[in-house]
């Protein structure tokens, strides 16, 4: 039996690495990872905004599945770099979907809970998006491109992510540890917006299994959600980190006001039931893994 081929964009990123590693470890898939800023040894450097570059990759590799995880995902950066964000979050998505459609490849576009305004959770796959910030708008535009390009394509919305990192600043979860571990410096931490930290290797398993299923079942299409199920503020996460390392938390003051910068939804909890009905993937509890994630960065 010939191997199915999966093309992964953003394969040097936090989630992209986990997806690449998950497929690469599975003997039924031939995997090609694309990256731009951090291509590394096993990844191909490609500018996704350059149609001809992307076309050359498609023509040579001929993927069956495309996991499009490349994105500008930092809300405060997006607020100030709207044009650059549109190029990667929307225009590159258009390039990929045109080429995938020509080859009848299935596209899974990775999106975010930030397409919702957070006023009426939980949100299921039929809930109407109403993004509060430019990042959410750009991802919603990317979703519409992916779904309009082919009725066969899919969108997977996920929330705030963490997992094996190259630096603490790579995740909006792990960056909190920069304040947690410096116990002699007083600071504040958001205790307002409700988040659902989700472990990237879990999502990678979901994506690989969903791709397996799609190869057998053409009904796998449209919008899916997958999320951790622990409701936490950033302050709650910081407490969990401190407890994992037996550190005090007295130096951190809980801030009960909405976060500064780009507006964030208060509680954009994703209802994952449509995906959970297709496949069962256990959710890794935050406190069971966060010490392992942070250990290389402590003390």
C-alpha atoms as a PDB file:
ATOM      1  CA  UNK A   1       0.000   0.000   0.000  1.00  0.00           C
ATOM      2  CA  UNK A   2       1.434   3.383  -0.985  1.00  0.00           C
ATOM      3  CA  UNK A   3       1.964   5.905   1.767  1.00  0.00           C
ATOM      4  CA  UNK A   4      -0.384   8.851   2.028  1.00  0.00           C
ATOM      5  CA  UNK A   5       1.388  12.213   1.822  1.00  0.00           C
ATOM      6  CA  UNK A   6       0.860  15.059   4.280  1.00  0.00           C
ATOM      7  CA  UNK A   7       2.179  18.591   3.812  1.00  0.00           C
ATOM      8  CA  UNK A   8       2.462  20.673   7.000  1.00  0.00           C
ATOM      9  CA  UNK A   9       2.913  24.446   6.909  1.00  0.00           C
ATOM     10  CA  UNK A  10       4.347  26.307   9.881  1.00  0.00           C
ATOM     11  CA  UNK A  11       6.195  23.123  10.818  1.00  0.00           C
ATOM     12  CA  UNK A  12       8.819  24.985  12.856  1.00  0.00           C
ATOM     13  CA  UNK A  13       6.205  26.601  15.116  1.00  0.00           C
ATOM     14  CA  UNK A  14       4.878  25.517  18.488  1.00  0.00           C
ATOM     15  CA  UNK A  15       1.950  23.504  17.126  1.00  0.00           C
ATOM     16  CA  UNK A  16       3.516  22.747  13.743  1.00  0.00           C
ATOM     17  CA  UNK A  17       6.460  20.907  15.331  1.00  0.00           C
ATOM     18  CA  UNK A  18       4.113  18.691  17.306  1.00  0.00           C
ATOM     19  CA  UNK A  19       2.059  17.934  14.181  1.00  0.00           C
ATOM     20  CA  UNK A  20       5.189  17.187  12.140  1.00  0.00           C
ATOM     21  CA  UNK A  21       6.577  14.870  14.822  1.00  0.00           C
ATOM     22  CA  UNK A  22       3.253  13.029  15.173  1.00  0.00           C
ATOM     23  CA  UNK A  23       2.934  12.294  11.454  1.00  0.00           C
ATOM     24  CA  UNK A  24       6.656  11.613  11.048  1.00  0.00           C
ATOM     25  CA  UNK A  25       6.479   8.922  13.747  1.00  0.00           C
ATOM     26  CA  UNK A  26       3.600   7.194  11.955  1.00  0.00           C
ATOM     27  CA  UNK A  27       4.621   4.673   9.308  1.00  0.00           C
ATOM     28  CA  UNK A  28       1.503   5.148   7.162  1.00  0.00           C
ATOM     29  CA  UNK A  29       2.339   8.755   6.265  1.00  0.00           C
ATOM     30  CA  UNK A  30       5.044  10.416   4.183  1.00  0.00           C
ATOM     31  CA  UNK A  31       5.584  13.833   5.753  1.00  0.00           C
ATOM     32  CA  UNK A  32       6.917  17.119   4.392  1.00  0.00           C
ATOM     33  CA  UNK A  33       7.188  20.110   6.707  1.00  0.00           C
ATOM     34  CA  UNK A  34       7.433  23.693   5.465  1.00  0.00           C
ATOM     35  CA  UNK A  35       8.898  26.611   7.388  1.00  0.00           C
ATOM     36  CA  UNK A  36      10.195  30.082   6.666  1.00  0.00           C
ATOM     37  CA  UNK A  37      11.917  31.766   9.608  1.00  0.00           C
ATOM     38  CA  UNK A  38      13.247  28.548  11.221  1.00  0.00           C
ATOM     39  CA  UNK A  39      13.530  25.882   8.493  1.00  0.00           C
ATOM     40  CA  UNK A  40      16.052  23.605  10.268  1.00  0.00           C
ATOM     41  CA  UNK A  41      17.408  20.304   8.969  1.00  0.00           C
ATOM     42  CA  UNK A  42      14.211  18.361   8.292  1.00  0.00           C
ATOM     43  CA  UNK A  43      12.027  21.169   6.956  1.00  0.00           C
ATOM     44  CA  UNK A  44      11.813  22.872   3.565  1.00  0.00           C
ATOM     45  CA  UNK A  45      12.095  26.665   3.477  1.00  0.00           C
ATOM     46  CA  UNK A  46       9.174  28.163   1.564  1.00  0.00           C
ATOM     47  CA  UNK A  47       7.583  31.615   1.435  1.00  0.00           C
ATOM     48  CA  UNK A  48       3.870  30.795   1.541  1.00  0.00           C
ATOM     49  CA  UNK A  49       2.977  34.228   0.167  1.00  0.00           C
ATOM     50  CA  UNK A  50       4.899  33.415  -3.046  1.00  0.00           C
ATOM     51  CA  UNK A  51       2.483  31.431  -5.218  1.00  0.00           C
ATOM     52  CA  UNK A  52       5.187  30.052  -7.526  1.00  0.00           C
ATOM     53  CA  UNK A  53       7.270  28.763  -4.605  1.00  0.00           C
ATOM     54  CA  UNK A  54       4.263  27.027  -3.089  1.00  0.00           C
ATOM     55  CA  UNK A  55       3.197  25.608  -6.465  1.00  0.00           C
ATOM     56  CA  UNK A  56       6.641  24.080  -6.978  1.00  0.00           C
ATOM     57  CA  UNK A  57       6.290  22.230  -3.661  1.00  0.00           C
ATOM     58  CA  UNK A  58       2.805  20.965  -4.518  1.00  0.00           C
ATOM     59  CA  UNK A  59       3.884  19.848  -7.998  1.00  0.00           C
ATOM     60  CA  UNK A  60       6.825  17.892  -6.609  1.00  0.00           C
ATOM     61  CA  UNK A  61       5.283  16.416  -3.436  1.00  0.00           C
ATOM     62  CA  UNK A  62       1.652  15.948  -4.553  1.00  0.00           C
ATOM     63  CA  UNK A  63       0.083  15.863  -1.063  1.00  0.00           C
ATOM     64  CA  UNK A  64      -3.108  14.025  -0.126  1.00  0.00           C
ATOM     65  CA  UNK A  65      -3.529  16.167   2.996  1.00  0.00           C
ATOM     66  CA  UNK A  66      -2.411  19.729   3.783  1.00  0.00           C
ATOM     67  CA  UNK A  67      -2.307  20.857   7.420  1.00  0.00           C
ATOM     68  CA  UNK A  68      -2.115  24.651   7.293  1.00  0.00           C
ATOM     69  CA  UNK A  69      -0.816  25.749  10.689  1.00  0.00           C
ATOM     70  CA  UNK A  70       1.391  28.663   9.590  1.00  0.00           C
ATOM     71  CA  UNK A  71       0.043  31.940  10.969  1.00  0.00           C
ATOM     72  CA  UNK A  72       0.791  35.186  12.734  1.00  0.00           C
ATOM     73  CA  UNK A  73      -0.933  34.330  16.012  1.00  0.00           C
ATOM     74  CA  UNK A  74       0.160  37.096  18.407  1.00  0.00           C
ATOM     75  CA  UNK A  75      -2.854  39.399  18.844  1.00  0.00           C
ATOM     76  CA  UNK A  76      -0.875  42.454  19.927  1.00  0.00           C
ATOM     77  CA  UNK A  77       1.501  42.101  16.948  1.00  0.00           C
ATOM     78  CA  UNK A  78      -1.422  41.688  14.552  1.00  0.00           C
ATOM     79  CA  UNK A  79      -3.022  44.943  15.761  1.00  0.00           C
ATOM     80  CA  UNK A  80       0.024  46.845  14.478  1.00  0.00           C
ATOM     81  CA  UNK A  81       0.900  44.737  11.415  1.00  0.00           C
ATOM     82  CA  UNK A  82      -2.431  44.260   9.668  1.00  0.00           C
ATOM     83  CA  UNK A  83      -1.099  44.021   6.100  1.00  0.00           C
ATOM     84  CA  UNK A  84       1.670  41.544   6.931  1.00  0.00           C
ATOM     85  CA  UNK A  85      -0.812  39.465   8.911  1.00  0.00           C
ATOM     86  CA  UNK A  86      -3.280  39.363   6.016  1.00  0.00           C
ATOM     87  CA  UNK A  87      -0.531  38.073   3.731  1.00  0.00           C
ATOM     88  CA  UNK A  88       0.133  35.012   5.900  1.00  0.00           C
ATOM     89  CA  UNK A  89      -3.253  34.405   7.558  1.00  0.00           C
ATOM     90  CA  UNK A  90      -5.441  35.033   4.490  1.00  0.00           C
ATOM     91  CA  UNK A  91      -3.502  35.405   1.219  1.00  0.00           C
ATOM     92  CA  UNK A  92      -1.210  32.411   1.837  1.00  0.00           C
ATOM     93  CA  UNK A  93      -4.276  30.363   2.734  1.00  0.00           C
ATOM     94  CA  UNK A  94      -5.745  31.258  -0.660  1.00  0.00           C
ATOM     95  CA  UNK A  95      -2.566  30.099  -2.437  1.00  0.00           C
ATOM     96  CA  UNK A  96      -2.574  26.800  -0.582  1.00  0.00           C
ATOM     97  CA  UNK A  97      -6.262  26.116  -1.154  1.00  0.00           C
ATOM     98  CA  UNK A  98      -6.095  26.839  -4.899  1.00  0.00           C
ATOM     99  CA  UNK A  99      -3.228  24.385  -5.318  1.00  0.00           C
ATOM    100  CA  UNK A 100      -4.731  21.769  -3.012  1.00  0.00           C
ATOM    101  CA  UNK A 101      -8.044  21.918  -4.851  1.00  0.00           C
ATOM    102  CA  UNK A 102      -6.266  21.310  -8.172  1.00  0.00           C
ATOM    103  CA  UNK A 103      -4.815  18.096  -6.696  1.00  0.00           C
ATOM    104  CA  UNK A 104      -7.961  17.098  -4.780  1.00  0.00           C
ATOM    105  CA  UNK A 105      -5.962  17.318  -1.538  1.00  0.00           C
ATOM    106  CA  UNK A 106      -7.852  17.795   1.729  1.00  0.00           C
ATOM    107  CA  UNK A 107      -6.968  21.028   3.559  1.00  0.00           C
ATOM    108  CA  UNK A 108      -7.226  21.336   7.341  1.00  0.00           C
ATOM    109  CA  UNK A 109      -6.948  25.008   8.288  1.00  0.00           C
ATOM    110  CA  UNK A 110      -5.911  25.603  11.903  1.00  0.00           C
ATOM    111  CA  UNK A 111      -7.927  28.411  13.476  1.00  0.00           C
ATOM    112  CA  UNK A 112      -8.639  29.830  16.914  1.00  0.00           C
ATOM    113  CA  UNK A 113     -11.244  30.365  19.617  1.00  0.00           C
ATOM    114  CA  UNK A 114     -10.595  34.089  19.094  1.00  0.00           C
ATOM    115  CA  UNK A 115     -13.087  34.080  16.211  1.00  0.00           C
ATOM    116  CA  UNK A 116     -15.712  34.335  18.997  1.00  0.00           C
ATOM    117  CA  UNK A 117     -16.436  37.316  21.255  1.00  0.00           C
ATOM    118  CA  UNK A 118     -16.585  35.282  24.478  1.00  0.00           C
ATOM    119  CA  UNK A 119     -19.967  36.569  25.659  1.00  0.00           C
ATOM    120  CA  UNK A 120     -22.004  33.358  25.324  1.00  0.00           C
ATOM    121  CA  UNK A 121     -19.934  30.179  25.764  1.00  0.00           C
ATOM    122  CA  UNK A 122     -19.636  27.369  25.006  1.00  0.00           C
ATOM    123  CA  UNK A 123     -19.372  27.777  21.243  1.00  0.00           C
ATOM    124  CA  UNK A 124     -20.173  24.854  18.963  1.00  0.00           C
ATOM    125  CA  UNK A 125     -19.281  24.467  15.288  1.00  0.00           C
ATOM    126  CA  UNK A 126     -22.499  26.209  14.223  1.00  0.00           C
ATOM    127  CA  UNK A 127     -21.997  29.281  16.429  1.00  0.00           C
ATOM    128  CA  UNK A 128     -21.620  32.531  14.495  1.00  0.00           C
ATOM    129  CA  UNK A 129     -18.144  34.090  14.811  1.00  0.00           C
ATOM    130  CA  UNK A 130     -17.800  37.663  16.034  1.00  0.00           C
ATOM    131  CA  UNK A 131     -14.085  38.351  16.563  1.00  0.00           C
ATOM    132  CA  UNK A 132     -13.075  41.187  18.883  1.00  0.00           C
ATOM    133  CA  UNK A 133      -9.559  41.792  17.564  1.00  0.00           C
ATOM    134  CA  UNK A 134      -7.717  41.904  14.248  1.00  0.00           C
ATOM    135  CA  UNK A 135      -6.110  38.512  14.873  1.00  0.00           C
ATOM    136  CA  UNK A 136      -9.533  36.896  15.228  1.00  0.00           C
ATOM    137  CA  UNK A 137     -10.751  38.740  12.129  1.00  0.00           C
ATOM    138  CA  UNK A 138      -7.767  37.522  10.083  1.00  0.00           C
ATOM    139  CA  UNK A 139      -8.287  33.907  11.139  1.00  0.00           C
ATOM    140  CA  UNK A 140     -12.004  34.092  10.407  1.00  0.00           C
ATOM    141  CA  UNK A 141     -11.160  35.447   6.941  1.00  0.00           C
ATOM    142  CA  UNK A 142      -8.765  32.514   6.483  1.00  0.00           C
ATOM    143  CA  UNK A 143     -11.501  30.083   7.515  1.00  0.00           C
ATOM    144  CA  UNK A 144     -13.860  31.539   4.926  1.00  0.00           C
ATOM    145  CA  UNK A 145     -11.205  31.206   2.216  1.00  0.00           C
ATOM    146  CA  UNK A 146     -10.548  27.554   3.107  1.00  0.00           C
ATOM    147  CA  UNK A 147     -14.211  26.571   3.234  1.00  0.00           C
ATOM    148  CA  UNK A 148     -15.178  28.523   0.097  1.00  0.00           C
ATOM    149  CA  UNK A 149     -12.317  27.009  -1.894  1.00  0.00           C
ATOM    150  CA  UNK A 150     -13.732  23.500  -1.528  1.00  0.00           C
ATOM    151  CA  UNK A 151     -16.679  21.994   0.322  1.00  0.00           C
ATOM    152  CA  UNK A 152     -14.307  19.133   1.192  1.00  0.00           C
ATOM    153  CA  UNK A 153     -11.957  21.273   3.292  1.00  0.00           C
ATOM    154  CA  UNK A 154     -11.973  21.533   7.080  1.00  0.00           C
ATOM    155  CA  UNK A 155     -11.263  24.056   9.823  1.00  0.00           C
ATOM    156  CA  UNK A 156      -9.997  23.063  13.268  1.00  0.00           C
ATOM    157  CA  UNK A 157     -10.384  25.731  15.948  1.00  0.00           C
ATOM    158  CA  UNK A 158      -8.164  25.406  19.016  1.00  0.00           C
ATOM    159  CA  UNK A 159      -7.592  27.650  22.079  1.00  0.00           C
ATOM    160  CA  UNK A 160      -4.458  28.859  23.894  1.00  0.00           C
ATOM    161  CA  UNK A 161      -1.605  26.385  23.322  1.00  0.00           C
ATOM    162  CA  UNK A 162       1.429  25.116  25.186  1.00  0.00           C
ATOM    163  CA  UNK A 163       3.811  22.189  24.799  1.00  0.00           C
ATOM    164  CA  UNK A 164       7.506  21.455  24.227  1.00  0.00           C
ATOM    165  CA  UNK A 165       9.057  24.859  23.581  1.00  0.00           C
ATOM    166  CA  UNK A 166      12.317  26.308  22.298  1.00  0.00           C
ATOM    167  CA  UNK A 167      11.947  29.379  24.518  1.00  0.00           C
ATOM    168  CA  UNK A 168       9.445  30.489  27.160  1.00  0.00           C
ATOM    169  CA  UNK A 169       8.157  33.292  24.936  1.00  0.00           C
ATOM    170  CA  UNK A 170       6.989  30.796  22.310  1.00  0.00           C
ATOM    171  CA  UNK A 171       3.683  30.184  24.098  1.00  0.00           C
ATOM    172  CA  UNK A 172       1.283  32.594  25.804  1.00  0.00           C
ATOM    173  CA  UNK A 173       1.121  29.983  28.575  1.00  0.00           C
ATOM    174  CA  UNK A 174       4.806  29.270  29.191  1.00  0.00           C
ATOM    175  CA  UNK A 175       5.820  32.941  28.978  1.00  0.00           C
ATOM    176  CA  UNK A 176       4.038  33.377  32.325  1.00  0.00           C
ATOM    177  CA  UNK A 177       6.839  31.372  33.937  1.00  0.00           C
ATOM    178  CA  UNK A 178       9.240  34.282  33.375  1.00  0.00           C
ATOM    179  CA  UNK A 179       7.348  36.064  36.178  1.00  0.00           C
ATOM    180  CA  UNK A 180       6.565  32.999  38.271  1.00  0.00           C
ATOM    181  CA  UNK A 181      10.176  31.915  38.759  1.00  0.00           C
ATOM    182  CA  UNK A 182      11.503  35.361  39.780  1.00  0.00           C
ATOM    183  CA  UNK A 183      10.009  35.229  43.264  1.00  0.00           C
ATOM    184  CA  UNK A 184      11.764  38.360  44.560  1.00  0.00           C
ATOM    185  CA  UNK A 185      10.108  40.685  42.014  1.00  0.00           C
ATOM    186  CA  UNK A 186       6.514  41.778  42.528  1.00  0.00           C
ATOM    187  CA  UNK A 187       4.216  41.802  39.494  1.00  0.00           C
ATOM    188  CA  UNK A 188       0.589  41.407  38.409  1.00  0.00           C
ATOM    189  CA  UNK A 189      -1.049  38.627  36.393  1.00  0.00           C
ATOM    190  CA  UNK A 190      -4.393  38.633  34.588  1.00  0.00           C
ATOM    191  CA  UNK A 191      -7.141  36.927  36.568  1.00  0.00           C
ATOM    192  CA  UNK A 192      -9.991  37.939  34.266  1.00  0.00           C
ATOM    193  CA  UNK A 193     -10.234  36.168  30.893  1.00  0.00           C
ATOM    194  CA  UNK A 194     -11.082  32.458  31.082  1.00  0.00           C
ATOM    195  CA  UNK A 195      -8.778  30.274  28.994  1.00  0.00           C
ATOM    196  CA  UNK A 196      -8.503  26.555  28.271  1.00  0.00           C
ATOM    197  CA  UNK A 197      -4.797  25.686  27.937  1.00  0.00           C
ATOM    198  CA  UNK A 198      -4.371  22.838  25.478  1.00  0.00           C
ATOM    199  CA  UNK A 199      -1.312  20.615  25.040  1.00  0.00           C
ATOM    200  CA  UNK A 200       0.070  20.679  21.485  1.00  0.00           C
ATOM    201  CA  UNK A 201       0.993  16.962  21.276  1.00  0.00           C
ATOM    202  CA  UNK A 202      -2.655  16.163  22.109  1.00  0.00           C
ATOM    203  CA  UNK A 203      -3.831  18.330  19.211  1.00  0.00           C
ATOM    204  CA  UNK A 204      -1.252  16.684  16.949  1.00  0.00           C
ATOM    205  CA  UNK A 205      -2.752  13.265  17.742  1.00  0.00           C
ATOM    206  CA  UNK A 206      -6.227  14.645  17.017  1.00  0.00           C
ATOM    207  CA  UNK A 207      -5.064  16.002  13.648  1.00  0.00           C
ATOM    208  CA  UNK A 208      -3.285  12.786  12.640  1.00  0.00           C
ATOM    209  CA  UNK A 209      -6.271  10.633  13.622  1.00  0.00           C
ATOM    210  CA  UNK A 210      -8.694  12.985  11.880  1.00  0.00           C
ATOM    211  CA  UNK A 211      -6.520  12.789   8.751  1.00  0.00           C
ATOM    212  CA  UNK A 212      -6.522   8.979   8.984  1.00  0.00           C
ATOM    213  CA  UNK A 213     -10.298   9.077   9.218  1.00  0.00           C
ATOM    214  CA  UNK A 214     -10.635  11.489   6.294  1.00  0.00           C
ATOM    215  CA  UNK A 215      -8.704   9.070   4.059  1.00  0.00           C
ATOM    216  CA  UNK A 216     -11.458   6.492   4.723  1.00  0.00           C
ATOM    217  CA  UNK A 217     -14.486   8.727   5.155  1.00  0.00           C
ATOM    218  CA  UNK A 218     -15.310  11.680   2.850  1.00  0.00           C
ATOM    219  CA  UNK A 219     -17.845  12.928   5.403  1.00  0.00           C
ATOM    220  CA  UNK A 220     -14.922  14.348   7.399  1.00  0.00           C
ATOM    221  CA  UNK A 221     -15.200  17.977   6.310  1.00  0.00           C
ATOM    222  CA  UNK A 222     -16.327  21.355   7.590  1.00  0.00           C
ATOM    223  CA  UNK A 223     -15.664  22.876  11.012  1.00  0.00           C
ATOM    224  CA  UNK A 224     -14.336  21.078  14.095  1.00  0.00           C
ATOM    225  CA  UNK A 225     -13.354  22.258  17.582  1.00  0.00           C
ATOM    226  CA  UNK A 226     -10.899  20.676  20.011  1.00  0.00           C
ATOM    227  CA  UNK A 227      -9.963  22.122  23.392  1.00  0.00           C
ATOM    228  CA  UNK A 228      -8.600  21.327  26.792  1.00  0.00           C
ATOM    229  CA  UNK A 229     -11.361  21.210  29.390  1.00  0.00           C
ATOM    230  CA  UNK A 230      -9.700  23.032  32.314  1.00  0.00           C
ATOM    231  CA  UNK A 231     -11.057  26.566  32.814  1.00  0.00           C
ATOM    232  CA  UNK A 232      -8.152  28.772  33.979  1.00  0.00           C
ATOM    233  CA  UNK A 233      -7.107  32.407  34.046  1.00  0.00           C
ATOM    234  CA  UNK A 234      -3.475  33.289  33.466  1.00  0.00           C
ATOM    235  CA  UNK A 235      -3.181  33.724  37.232  1.00  0.00           C
ATOM    236  CA  UNK A 236      -4.534  30.186  37.736  1.00  0.00           C
ATOM    237  CA  UNK A 237      -1.915  28.873  35.317  1.00  0.00           C
ATOM    238  CA  UNK A 238       0.806  30.765  37.182  1.00  0.00           C
ATOM    239  CA  UNK A 239      -0.326  29.193  40.464  1.00  0.00           C
ATOM    240  CA  UNK A 240      -0.166  25.749  38.844  1.00  0.00           C
ATOM    241  CA  UNK A 241       3.369  26.427  37.632  1.00  0.00           C
ATOM    242  CA  UNK A 242       4.491  27.683  41.035  1.00  0.00           C
ATOM    243  CA  UNK A 243       3.047  24.640  42.790  1.00  0.00           C
ATOM    244  CA  UNK A 244       4.816  22.315  40.330  1.00  0.00           C
ATOM    245  CA  UNK A 245       8.178  23.767  41.364  1.00  0.00           C
ATOM    246  CA  UNK A 246       7.291  24.360  45.037  1.00  0.00           C
ATOM    247  CA  UNK A 247       7.631  28.110  44.510  1.00  0.00           C
ATOM    248  CA  UNK A 248       5.774  30.813  46.368  1.00  0.00           C
ATOM    249  CA  UNK A 249       3.199  32.882  44.516  1.00  0.00           C
ATOM    250  CA  UNK A 250       3.040  35.795  46.977  1.00  0.00           C
ATOM    251  CA  UNK A 251       5.022  38.047  44.618  1.00  0.00           C
ATOM    252  CA  UNK A 252       2.245  37.869  41.981  1.00  0.00           C
ATOM    253  CA  UNK A 253      -0.905  39.931  42.445  1.00  0.00           C
ATOM    254  CA  UNK A 254      -4.088  38.776  40.687  1.00  0.00           C
ATOM    255  CA  UNK A 255      -5.399  41.473  38.328  1.00  0.00           C
ATOM    256  CA  UNK A 256      -9.173  41.160  37.962  1.00  0.00           C
ATOM    257  CA  UNK A 257      -9.488  43.714  35.152  1.00  0.00           C
ATOM    258  CA  UNK A 258      -9.579  42.877  31.435  1.00  0.00           C
ATOM    259  CA  UNK A 259      -6.140  42.519  29.858  1.00  0.00           C
ATOM    260  CA  UNK A 260      -4.511  45.530  28.159  1.00  0.00           C
ATOM    261  CA  UNK A 261      -3.648  45.524  24.455  1.00  0.00           C
ATOM    262  CA  UNK A 262      -5.795  43.921  21.773  1.00  0.00           C
ATOM    263  CA  UNK A 263      -9.253  43.099  23.188  1.00  0.00           C
ATOM    264  CA  UNK A 264      -9.625  39.466  24.257  1.00  0.00           C
ATOM    265  CA  UNK A 265     -12.840  37.429  24.598  1.00  0.00           C
ATOM    266  CA  UNK A 266     -13.856  36.833  28.219  1.00  0.00           C
ATOM    267  CA  UNK A 267     -14.680  33.133  27.753  1.00  0.00           C
ATOM    268  CA  UNK A 268     -14.523  31.610  24.266  1.00  0.00           C
ATOM    269  CA  UNK A 269     -14.832  27.998  25.434  1.00  0.00           C
ATOM    270  CA  UNK A 270     -15.055  25.650  22.448  1.00  0.00           C
ATOM    271  CA  UNK A 271     -17.587  22.811  22.439  1.00  0.00           C
ATOM    272  CA  UNK A 272     -15.592  19.846  21.067  1.00  0.00           C
ATOM    273  CA  UNK A 273     -18.487  17.375  20.850  1.00  0.00           C
ATOM    274  CA  UNK A 274     -18.565  17.058  17.047  1.00  0.00           C
ATOM    275  CA  UNK A 275     -14.935  15.940  17.002  1.00  0.00           C
ATOM    276  CA  UNK A 276     -15.227  13.863  20.178  1.00  0.00           C
ATOM    277  CA  UNK A 277     -17.997  11.905  18.450  1.00  0.00           C
ATOM    278  CA  UNK A 278     -15.593  11.009  15.619  1.00  0.00           C
ATOM    279  CA  UNK A 279     -12.554  10.071  17.692  1.00  0.00           C
ATOM    280  CA  UNK A 280     -11.511   9.960  21.323  1.00  0.00           C
ATOM    281  CA  UNK A 281      -8.207  11.546  22.320  1.00  0.00           C
ATOM    282  CA  UNK A 282      -7.484  12.005  26.048  1.00  0.00           C
ATOM    283  CA  UNK A 283      -6.730  15.533  27.238  1.00  0.00           C
ATOM    284  CA  UNK A 284      -3.462  15.845  29.163  1.00  0.00           C
ATOM    285  CA  UNK A 285      -4.147  17.576  32.518  1.00  0.00           C
ATOM    286  CA  UNK A 286      -2.257  20.865  32.881  1.00  0.00           C
ATOM    287  CA  UNK A 287      -0.643  20.045  36.223  1.00  0.00           C
ATOM    288  CA  UNK A 288       0.486  16.612  35.026  1.00  0.00           C
ATOM    289  CA  UNK A 289       2.733  17.973  32.267  1.00  0.00           C
ATOM    290  CA  UNK A 290       3.550  21.645  32.886  1.00  0.00           C
ATOM    291  CA  UNK A 291       6.617  20.879  35.026  1.00  0.00           C
ATOM    292  CA  UNK A 292       8.105  18.718  32.261  1.00  0.00           C
ATOM    293  CA  UNK A 293       7.503  21.518  29.743  1.00  0.00           C
ATOM    294  CA  UNK A 294       9.133  24.173  31.939  1.00  0.00           C
ATOM    295  CA  UNK A 295      11.936  22.127  33.526  1.00  0.00           C
ATOM    296  CA  UNK A 296      14.570  23.058  30.886  1.00  0.00           C
ATOM    297  CA  UNK A 297      13.995  26.724  31.800  1.00  0.00           C
ATOM    298  CA  UNK A 298      14.369  26.434  35.572  1.00  0.00           C
ATOM    299  CA  UNK A 299      16.182  27.720  37.497  1.00  0.00           C
END
